[in-house]
Each structure stands twice: as C-alpha cells, then as structure tokens.
Amino acid sequence: MVSQAAGVSVAAGVSVVVLGGTGSLGRHISEVFEAEGARVLTVSRAAPDRLAAGRGGSHIRLDLTGTSPARLAGVLAGAGADIVVNAAGLAWGGGEEELGAANAGLVRGLVDAVSGLAHRPRVIQLGTVHEYGPVAPGTAITEGLPPAPVSAYGRTKLLGAEAMLRAVRSGAVDGTVLRIANVYGPGAPSTSLLGTVAHHLAETARGRSAEGALRLAPLTARRDFVDIRDVGQAVLAAAVAPRVARTGAWIVNVGSGRASPVRELVDRMIELSGVEAPVVERAGSRPESPGSRGGLGGPGGPGGPGPAGSGADWQLLDISAARRLLGWRPRYRADRSLRDQLTAAGLPPDRVSRAVRAGGGSVRSVRNG
C-alpha cells in the first residue's frame, strides 16, 4: 500500500476514472483506489453488478469503442479526473477489426481526449506481456526488448501502447504503460485457463458437472503469472509515483519474475481443491490464444498457454524496473493465489483448507489423450 509517512494515503481525495471498470481487473483496481480514499468513477458499456454498485463510487454507462474523444473528454473533465486507468479492452472473441477498435482505437481516442484537457490527469494504460511476442527459453523479458507480437491480441494491444507512448514522449500526456503478465487469483478472468479450471472444480464439487475430466490443450508452456491483487497495487503505485515521464521509464513490467510450468499450476489447483479430476491434454490441440473465442480476458491476456501457433512456450518478465521506479514487488505466492481463486469460484474455504491438510485431491493426467 502506498501511503504517506503520517499514515494518510497519497490517493485520498483524488479523482480516479477507471475505463472498463466493470471488468475483472477494472473492478479490482476500483476497489484498491476506493480503499485508499479516492473518489472513483467507473466507465464501461456494462452496468456494474449489484455488489459493485453497493460499494460506493459512481458509474457511467458508455460504449468506449464507439464514443468520440470530445464525449470522453467531457466525462473526464466532469469528474475532475486526476488519474485515468484504462482497463478496457478485448482479449477473447472478435476478429482483428474488433480487437483493433477495443485495444488500439480506444487508446487513440483517450489520448486525444486527455491532451485537450485544461487539467491533464495521469494515465495508466494496462498493457500485456503478449505485446512482446515469443522469446527464447531462459530469456528475462525487459522493457527494452523490441516487441514482435504474432497474435491479433498482442498486435492490437501493442498499437494501443504505441499510441500512448507517442503522446507521452511528445509531452501531450503524463502516462505510463504497465505490461502485465498472465493474471490469476480471486476475481481473475473466468475465461482464463486457471479460471476455467477453478470453475470446473467448483461445479464438480457441487455435483453440477456432467464431465469429470478436465479436457485442456497441451500444458507444456512456462508462463509468468501475477496475482490480481498485486496488479492492483502496481497500478496504485504507478498512479502516485513521481512523474515517470521525467525518467524516460514509460513502460514498466508487472509480473512475478518467474516462469511457472502451466501443468504444475493446474495440477496444484486440483490438489488444493480436494476434487478428483483427471486431466486430459488433447492431442493436436493448440494452446488457446487471446482473441480466439468468446469472452473478455482482461489486459493480462487469458492466463493460458499463450498465442496459438506463436512458438511462445516461455514467458518471464524482468520486474526490476517496477521495484526501482515504483517501489513495487509481488507479495502473493502461488498457493495463496490458487486457493483464493478456488474459493472465489465457489469452492467452500473450509473444503480447500481440509484438502490442504489431507494432502489434496487426486490428479490423474492423460497426456496427449
């Protein structure tokens, strides 16, 4: 938590606008700022759920991909925005045109809107590790690595990041791009690989799943995963940090700094659930990619094994810049993130605790089944 020495949050009383505030990351980021005493306005096409609506704060329903920069500027000016977090975007579903509108066109409109304001807020653009594209195993991905994305999601997210970075370099916008690893933990996208696994285990535990086996694409990749709660703290740190544009550090990686074997994470989630769930890795299947099917995955991508056909079997973000510039580091360990994601999916916490004490559920894997 970023606070002043006197114990008063540096975000207390500031006006924060979260674009895409009803999505998985947007909701959590809004909660982080509200807990710090900020005045939060969420903006999205969807209405907030009842839980979010009861938390306080304000909401405006607006189709962000279809609105004009002038209309968006009016929303920001009306809120007296000090900080704008762009958590909007499309990871699952749609072709390149739809992905481009949500991930690049929206950002260009945001840049135009902010650059014309008399009071210019700081802008935090939520980017993704998928902007970098595939790298050789063992590579620690730094912010200086030339991006070469091969998926439609990665390409369109990079176009949005580049629009933001051009505006920052020209002095039109005070902003930064956080390139976020695959997200897990409570409230992480249900369309992600681990979100799908957690939902299946919760349904099986309640006796509602007709299919006992988990049928997944090959789990051969090693990925950088970061807890959604750590992402929220990174966004807060970037929002209140000294002006990052003066340092030239306009891109900051946010991850765990580890390349976790995806298969081990899936197996461990099953063990923690106490549910007997055989895993079938389908022969000939490609790992699912952002933009490949319906749903909204959030800026960190779907959390699965990466872009199909990309050869991207390895992701590990170098997070030293986040430590140095933002004073941020990840705090949640994998077991805690997996346990909390299971309970958020509907598995009773006492069942998860019993499974941990008893040594976990049964994992019977069929590889290339």
Protein backbone atom coordinates (compact mmCIF):
# COMPACT_ATOMS: atom_id res chain seq x y z
CA MET A 1 0.00 0.00 0.00
CA VAL A 2 1.33 3.42 -0.97
CA SER A 3 0.91 5.87 1.90
CA GLN A 4 2.44 8.99 3.31
CA ALA A 5 4.54 8.80 6.45
CA ALA A 6 1.70 10.25 8.52
CA GLY A 7 -0.45 7.28 7.55
CA VAL A 8 -2.71 9.20 5.14
CA SER A 9 -2.90 7.67 1.69
CA VAL A 10 -1.45 9.74 -1.11
CA ALA A 11 -4.52 8.74 -3.14
CA ALA A 12 -7.02 10.05 -0.57
CA GLY A 13 -9.41 12.55 -2.13
CA VAL A 14 -8.06 12.27 -5.67
CA SER A 15 -10.45 11.72 -8.56
CA VAL A 16 -9.85 8.42 -10.37
CA VAL A 17 -11.63 7.35 -13.56
CA VAL A 18 -11.38 3.64 -14.41
CA LEU A 19 -12.27 2.85 -18.01
CA GLY A 20 -13.51 -0.71 -18.25
CA GLY A 21 -14.32 -0.55 -14.55
CA THR A 22 -16.81 -3.45 -14.64
CA GLY A 23 -14.28 -5.96 -15.98
CA SER A 24 -12.24 -8.27 -13.78
CA LEU A 25 -9.20 -6.02 -13.47
CA GLY A 26 -11.19 -2.80 -13.58
CA ARG A 27 -13.39 -3.86 -10.66
CA HIS A 28 -10.41 -4.80 -8.52
CA ILE A 29 -8.47 -1.63 -9.36
CA SER A 30 -11.52 0.45 -8.45
CA GLU A 31 -11.69 -1.29 -5.08
CA VAL A 32 -7.99 -0.59 -4.45
CA PHE A 33 -8.42 3.15 -5.05
CA GLU A 34 -11.65 3.30 -3.04
CA ALA A 35 -9.85 1.64 -0.12
CA GLU A 36 -7.25 4.41 -0.35
CA GLY A 37 -9.93 7.09 -0.05
CA ALA A 38 -10.05 8.11 -3.71
CA ARG A 39 -13.22 9.24 -5.47
CA VAL A 40 -13.75 6.62 -8.16
CA LEU A 41 -15.82 6.83 -11.33
CA THR A 42 -16.09 3.67 -13.42
CA VAL A 43 -16.95 3.90 -17.11
CA SER A 44 -17.99 0.96 -19.26
CA ARG A 45 -20.68 -0.28 -21.60
CA ALA A 46 -21.96 -2.72 -18.97
CA ALA A 47 -23.74 -1.81 -15.77
CA PRO A 48 -21.94 -2.67 -12.53
CA ASP A 49 -23.10 -5.81 -10.73
CA ARG A 50 -25.06 -5.41 -7.51
CA LEU A 51 -22.02 -5.97 -5.30
CA ALA A 52 -20.01 -3.31 -7.13
CA ALA A 53 -22.98 -0.94 -7.18
CA GLY A 54 -23.23 -1.14 -3.40
CA ARG A 55 -19.61 -0.22 -2.75
CA GLY A 56 -19.96 3.46 -3.41
CA GLY A 57 -18.38 5.45 -6.19
CA SER A 58 -20.11 6.40 -9.41
CA HIS A 59 -20.65 4.75 -12.77
CA ILE A 60 -21.34 5.97 -16.29
CA ARG A 61 -22.53 3.58 -18.98
CA LEU A 62 -20.72 4.42 -22.20
CA ASP A 63 -19.62 2.43 -25.22
CA LEU A 64 -15.94 3.35 -25.10
CA THR A 65 -15.15 1.98 -28.57
CA GLY A 66 -17.96 3.98 -30.15
CA THR A 67 -17.70 7.28 -28.30
CA SER A 68 -15.92 10.38 -29.60
CA PRO A 69 -12.82 11.90 -27.99
CA ALA A 70 -14.88 15.02 -27.25
CA ARG A 71 -17.50 12.98 -25.37
CA LEU A 72 -14.82 11.14 -23.40
CA ALA A 73 -13.07 14.44 -22.64
CA GLY A 74 -16.35 15.74 -21.25
CA VAL A 75 -16.64 12.74 -18.93
CA LEU A 76 -13.08 13.20 -17.67
CA ALA A 77 -13.46 16.95 -17.22
CA GLY A 78 -16.78 16.48 -15.43
CA ALA A 79 -15.14 14.08 -13.00
CA GLY A 80 -12.19 16.42 -12.47
CA ALA A 81 -10.00 13.40 -13.17
CA ASP A 82 -6.56 13.34 -11.58
CA ILE A 83 -5.86 9.75 -12.63
CA VAL A 84 -7.26 7.70 -15.52
CA VAL A 85 -6.74 3.94 -15.64
CA ASN A 86 -7.51 2.28 -18.96
CA ALA A 87 -8.55 -1.25 -18.01
CA ALA A 88 -10.80 -1.57 -21.05
CA GLY A 89 -10.01 -3.85 -23.94
CA LEU A 90 -10.84 -7.11 -25.64
CA ALA A 91 -8.85 -10.32 -25.28
CA TRP A 92 -11.33 -13.02 -26.26
CA GLY A 93 -13.60 -13.03 -29.27
CA GLY A 94 -13.87 -10.96 -32.40
CA GLY A 95 -11.61 -10.57 -35.36
CA GLU A 96 -8.70 -8.21 -35.80
CA GLU A 97 -11.02 -5.29 -36.58
CA GLU A 98 -12.95 -5.69 -33.32
CA LEU A 99 -9.75 -6.23 -31.35
CA GLY A 100 -8.21 -3.18 -33.01
CA ALA A 101 -11.15 -0.96 -32.07
CA ALA A 102 -11.10 -2.08 -28.44
CA ASN A 103 -7.34 -2.27 -27.88
CA ALA A 104 -5.95 0.45 -30.15
CA GLY A 105 -8.72 2.75 -31.36
CA LEU A 106 -9.97 3.34 -27.82
CA VAL A 107 -6.47 4.33 -26.68
CA ARG A 108 -6.04 6.77 -29.57
CA GLY A 109 -9.35 8.37 -28.60
CA LEU A 110 -8.26 8.54 -24.97
CA VAL A 111 -5.01 10.25 -25.94
CA ASP A 112 -6.92 12.84 -27.97
CA ALA A 113 -9.36 13.39 -25.10
CA VAL A 114 -6.70 13.81 -22.41
CA SER A 115 -4.34 16.00 -24.45
CA GLY A 116 -7.06 18.63 -24.89
CA LEU A 117 -7.96 18.94 -21.21
CA ALA A 118 -7.02 22.03 -19.23
CA HIS A 119 -6.24 19.79 -16.24
CA ARG A 120 -4.40 16.78 -17.59
CA PRO A 121 -4.66 13.63 -15.50
CA ARG A 122 -2.03 10.94 -15.27
CA VAL A 123 -2.95 7.99 -17.48
CA ILE A 124 -2.14 4.36 -16.69
CA GLN A 125 -2.52 2.13 -19.75
CA LEU A 126 -2.84 -1.56 -18.89
CA GLY A 127 -0.81 -3.45 -21.45
CA THR A 128 0.12 -7.12 -21.67
CA VAL A 129 3.10 -9.45 -21.79
CA HIS A 130 1.69 -10.64 -25.14
CA GLU A 131 2.88 -7.38 -26.71
CA TYR A 132 6.43 -8.75 -26.62
CA GLY A 133 5.75 -11.90 -28.62
CA PRO A 134 7.72 -15.16 -28.40
CA VAL A 135 11.20 -15.23 -26.89
CA ALA A 136 13.84 -17.92 -26.44
CA PRO A 137 13.52 -20.11 -23.31
CA GLY A 138 15.51 -18.66 -20.43
CA THR A 139 15.04 -15.05 -21.58
CA ALA A 140 14.16 -12.47 -18.93
CA ILE A 141 11.96 -10.01 -20.84
CA THR A 142 12.98 -6.42 -20.17
CA GLU A 143 11.09 -3.29 -21.16
CA GLY A 144 13.76 -2.57 -23.78
CA LEU A 145 13.09 -5.76 -25.75
CA PRO A 146 11.82 -4.87 -29.25
CA PRO A 147 8.22 -6.14 -29.34
CA ALA A 148 7.27 -8.65 -32.03
CA PRO A 149 3.77 -9.95 -31.24
CA VAL A 150 2.29 -12.59 -33.51
CA SER A 151 -1.29 -12.87 -32.18
CA ALA A 152 -4.03 -10.42 -33.09
CA TYR A 153 -4.45 -9.61 -29.42
CA GLY A 154 -0.75 -8.86 -28.95
CA ARG A 155 -0.57 -6.80 -32.15
CA THR A 156 -3.59 -4.64 -31.31
CA LYS A 157 -2.53 -4.13 -27.69
CA LEU A 158 0.88 -3.02 -28.95
CA LEU A 159 -0.75 -0.50 -31.31
CA GLY A 160 -2.59 0.97 -28.32
CA ALA A 161 0.58 1.09 -26.23
CA GLU A 162 2.47 2.82 -29.05
CA ALA A 163 -0.25 5.48 -29.35
CA MET A 164 0.07 6.17 -25.63
CA LEU A 165 3.87 6.21 -25.71
CA ARG A 166 3.99 8.66 -28.63
CA ALA A 167 1.77 11.06 -26.69
CA VAL A 168 3.90 10.69 -23.55
CA ARG A 169 7.15 11.31 -25.41
CA SER A 170 5.69 14.41 -27.07
CA GLY A 171 4.59 15.80 -23.71
CA ALA A 172 0.89 15.67 -24.58
CA VAL A 173 0.13 13.08 -21.88
CA ASP A 174 1.58 12.20 -18.47
CA GLY A 175 1.31 8.45 -18.57
CA THR A 176 2.86 5.03 -18.45
CA VAL A 177 2.18 1.58 -19.85
CA LEU A 178 2.15 -1.36 -17.45
CA ARG A 179 2.86 -4.59 -19.31
CA ILE A 180 1.10 -7.18 -17.19
CA ALA A 181 1.78 -10.91 -17.01
CA ASN A 182 -0.97 -13.54 -17.02
CA VAL A 183 -3.36 -12.80 -14.17
CA TYR A 184 -4.69 -15.24 -11.57
CA GLY A 185 -6.13 -15.10 -8.08
CA PRO A 186 -9.62 -14.18 -6.79
CA GLY A 187 -11.61 -12.27 -9.39
CA ALA A 188 -9.21 -13.08 -12.24
CA PRO A 189 -10.88 -13.69 -15.61
CA SER A 190 -13.14 -16.73 -15.60
CA THR A 191 -12.32 -17.20 -19.29
CA SER A 192 -8.65 -17.83 -18.50
CA LEU A 193 -7.12 -21.28 -18.29
CA LEU A 194 -6.94 -21.24 -14.48
CA GLY A 195 -10.35 -19.57 -14.30
CA THR A 196 -11.79 -22.39 -16.39
CA VAL A 197 -10.12 -25.00 -14.16
CA ALA A 198 -11.36 -23.32 -10.97
CA HIS A 199 -14.94 -23.12 -12.29
CA HIS A 200 -14.87 -26.80 -13.34
CA LEU A 201 -13.60 -27.89 -9.93
CA ALA A 202 -16.21 -25.82 -8.10
CA GLU A 203 -19.01 -27.23 -10.28
CA THR A 204 -17.70 -30.77 -9.78
CA ALA A 205 -17.59 -30.28 -6.02
CA ARG A 206 -21.25 -29.17 -6.10
CA GLY A 207 -22.20 -32.15 -8.26
CA ARG A 208 -23.17 -29.94 -11.18
CA SER A 209 -20.54 -31.03 -13.71
CA ALA A 210 -21.50 -33.86 -16.04
CA GLU A 211 -17.91 -34.13 -17.26
CA GLY A 212 -15.45 -35.24 -14.59
CA ALA A 213 -12.35 -34.89 -16.72
CA LEU A 214 -10.68 -31.58 -17.47
CA ARG A 215 -10.06 -31.53 -21.21
CA LEU A 216 -7.39 -28.97 -21.97
CA ALA A 217 -4.95 -28.01 -24.66
CA PRO A 218 -1.36 -29.20 -24.06
CA LEU A 219 0.06 -27.71 -20.84
CA THR A 220 3.66 -27.56 -21.98
CA ALA A 221 4.38 -23.86 -21.57
CA ARG A 222 6.07 -21.95 -18.77
CA ARG A 223 4.38 -18.63 -18.03
CA ASP A 224 4.77 -15.62 -15.78
CA PHE A 225 1.66 -15.34 -13.57
CA VAL A 226 0.84 -12.47 -11.22
CA ASP A 227 -1.93 -12.21 -8.63
CA ILE A 228 -4.71 -9.75 -9.46
CA ARG A 229 -4.21 -8.12 -6.04
CA ASP A 230 -0.57 -7.45 -6.84
CA VAL A 231 -1.65 -5.88 -10.14
CA GLY A 232 -3.96 -3.53 -8.25
CA GLN A 233 -1.12 -2.38 -6.02
CA ALA A 234 1.14 -1.87 -9.06
CA VAL A 235 -1.47 0.37 -10.68
CA LEU A 236 -1.79 2.38 -7.46
CA ALA A 237 1.99 2.72 -7.23
CA ALA A 238 2.23 3.92 -10.86
CA ALA A 239 -0.59 6.40 -10.30
CA VAL A 240 1.04 8.13 -7.32
CA ALA A 241 4.73 7.72 -8.21
CA PRO A 242 6.88 10.75 -9.10
CA ARG A 243 6.38 11.77 -12.69
CA VAL A 244 7.75 8.76 -14.55
CA ALA A 245 8.00 10.61 -17.85
CA ARG A 246 10.94 12.57 -16.49
CA THR A 247 12.91 9.36 -16.08
CA GLY A 248 12.12 8.08 -19.56
CA ALA A 249 10.60 4.97 -17.98
CA TRP A 250 7.28 4.93 -19.80
CA ILE A 251 6.92 1.13 -19.86
CA VAL A 252 7.02 -0.96 -16.67
CA ASN A 253 6.66 -4.74 -16.45
CA VAL A 254 4.34 -6.18 -13.81
CA GLY A 255 4.70 -9.90 -13.10
CA SER A 256 6.13 -12.43 -10.70
CA GLY A 257 9.57 -12.61 -12.30
CA ARG A 258 9.16 -16.42 -12.54
CA ALA A 259 8.33 -18.74 -15.41
CA SER A 260 5.91 -21.20 -13.82
CA PRO A 261 5.14 -24.51 -15.53
CA VAL A 262 1.48 -24.28 -16.52
CA ARG A 263 0.94 -28.01 -15.98
CA GLU A 264 2.20 -27.75 -12.40
CA LEU A 265 -0.17 -24.86 -11.65
CA VAL A 266 -3.15 -26.81 -13.00
CA ASP A 267 -2.18 -29.92 -11.05
CA ARG A 268 -1.64 -27.90 -7.87
CA MET A 269 -5.03 -26.20 -8.19
CA ILE A 270 -6.66 -29.64 -8.44
CA GLU A 271 -4.74 -30.84 -5.37
CA LEU A 272 -5.79 -27.78 -3.36
CA SER A 273 -9.43 -28.26 -4.34
CA GLY A 274 -9.67 -31.77 -2.92
CA VAL A 275 -11.62 -32.75 -6.05
CA GLU A 276 -10.78 -35.83 -8.07
CA ALA A 277 -10.40 -34.51 -11.60
CA PRO A 278 -8.40 -36.29 -14.27
CA VAL A 279 -6.69 -34.01 -16.79
CA VAL A 280 -6.81 -34.88 -20.47
CA GLU A 281 -4.44 -32.92 -22.70
CA ARG A 282 -5.89 -33.14 -26.17
CA ALA A 283 -3.50 -34.35 -28.84
CA GLY A 284 -3.08 -31.96 -31.73
CA SER A 285 -4.71 -29.04 -29.90
CA ARG A 286 -3.02 -25.69 -29.83
CA PRO A 287 -2.85 -23.65 -26.66
CA GLU A 288 -5.72 -21.19 -26.63
CA SER A 289 -4.85 -17.64 -27.57
CA PRO A 290 -6.26 -14.23 -26.78
CA GLY A 291 -8.82 -13.32 -29.38
CA SER A 292 -9.63 -16.92 -30.24
CA ARG A 293 -13.07 -17.36 -28.66
CA GLY A 294 -15.85 -15.59 -26.80
CA GLY A 295 -15.44 -13.77 -23.51
CA LEU A 296 -13.38 -10.97 -22.01
CA GLY A 297 -10.00 -11.85 -20.63
CA GLY A 298 -8.59 -8.53 -19.49
CA PRO A 299 -5.30 -6.81 -20.23
CA GLY A 300 -3.14 -9.62 -18.95
CA GLY A 301 -4.50 -11.97 -21.57
CA PRO A 302 -6.35 -15.15 -20.82
CA GLY A 303 -3.79 -16.55 -18.42
CA GLY A 304 -3.42 -19.63 -20.57
CA PRO A 305 -0.57 -21.09 -22.54
CA GLY A 306 -0.22 -18.17 -24.89
CA PRO A 307 -0.81 -17.28 -28.54
CA ALA A 308 -1.67 -20.23 -30.74
CA GLY A 309 0.97 -21.10 -33.28
CA SER A 310 3.37 -18.48 -31.95
CA GLY A 311 6.01 -20.84 -30.58
CA ALA A 312 5.80 -18.78 -27.37
CA ASP A 313 6.47 -21.51 -24.82
CA TRP A 314 8.27 -19.25 -22.34
CA GLN A 315 7.39 -16.01 -20.54
CA LEU A 316 9.35 -14.43 -17.71
CA LEU A 317 9.17 -10.71 -17.07
CA ASP A 318 12.10 -8.80 -15.62
CA ILE A 319 10.40 -6.74 -12.90
CA SER A 320 13.42 -4.87 -11.59
CA ALA A 321 12.17 -1.56 -13.07
CA ALA A 322 8.92 -1.87 -11.09
CA ARG A 323 10.92 -2.34 -7.91
CA ARG A 324 13.24 0.57 -8.67
CA LEU A 325 10.76 3.12 -10.05
CA LEU A 326 7.53 2.24 -8.27
CA GLY A 327 8.72 0.57 -5.09
CA TRP A 328 6.53 -2.37 -6.06
CA ARG A 329 7.07 -6.09 -5.80
CA PRO A 330 4.66 -9.06 -5.91
CA ARG A 331 3.54 -10.29 -2.50
CA TYR A 332 1.23 -13.22 -3.19
CA ARG A 333 2.67 -16.72 -3.58
CA ALA A 334 1.20 -19.23 -6.00
CA ASP A 335 -0.53 -21.45 -3.41
CA ARG A 336 -2.34 -18.48 -1.87
CA SER A 337 -3.43 -17.22 -5.30
CA LEU A 338 -4.69 -20.65 -6.38
CA ARG A 339 -6.54 -21.25 -3.09
CA ASP A 340 -8.20 -17.86 -3.19
CA GLN A 341 -9.17 -18.29 -6.85
CA LEU A 342 -10.84 -21.58 -5.96
CA THR A 343 -12.87 -20.03 -3.14
CA ALA A 344 -13.82 -17.08 -5.36
CA ALA A 345 -15.09 -19.60 -7.94
CA GLY A 346 -17.42 -21.04 -5.31
CA LEU A 347 -15.44 -23.79 -3.59
CA PRO A 348 -16.08 -23.53 0.19
CA PRO A 349 -12.97 -22.22 2.00
CA ASP A 350 -13.19 -24.95 4.63
CA ARG A 351 -13.09 -27.60 1.90
CA VAL A 352 -9.93 -26.06 0.45
CA SER A 353 -8.39 -25.95 3.93
CA ARG A 354 -9.28 -29.61 4.54
CA ALA A 355 -7.79 -30.59 1.19
CA VAL A 356 -4.53 -28.85 2.09
CA ARG A 357 -4.37 -30.66 5.44
CA ALA A 358 -5.25 -34.01 3.85
CA GLY A 359 -2.72 -33.69 1.07
CA GLY A 360 -5.05 -32.56 -1.71
CA GLY A 361 -7.21 -34.06 -4.40
CA SER A 362 -6.30 -36.65 -6.95
CA VAL A 363 -4.64 -35.64 -10.21
CA ARG A 364 -4.73 -38.38 -12.81
CA SER A 365 -3.33 -36.99 -16.02
CA VAL A 366 -3.66 -38.32 -19.53
CA ARG A 367 -1.15 -36.54 -21.71
CA ASN A 368 -1.90 -36.30 -25.40
CA GLY A 369 -5.21 -38.07 -24.79
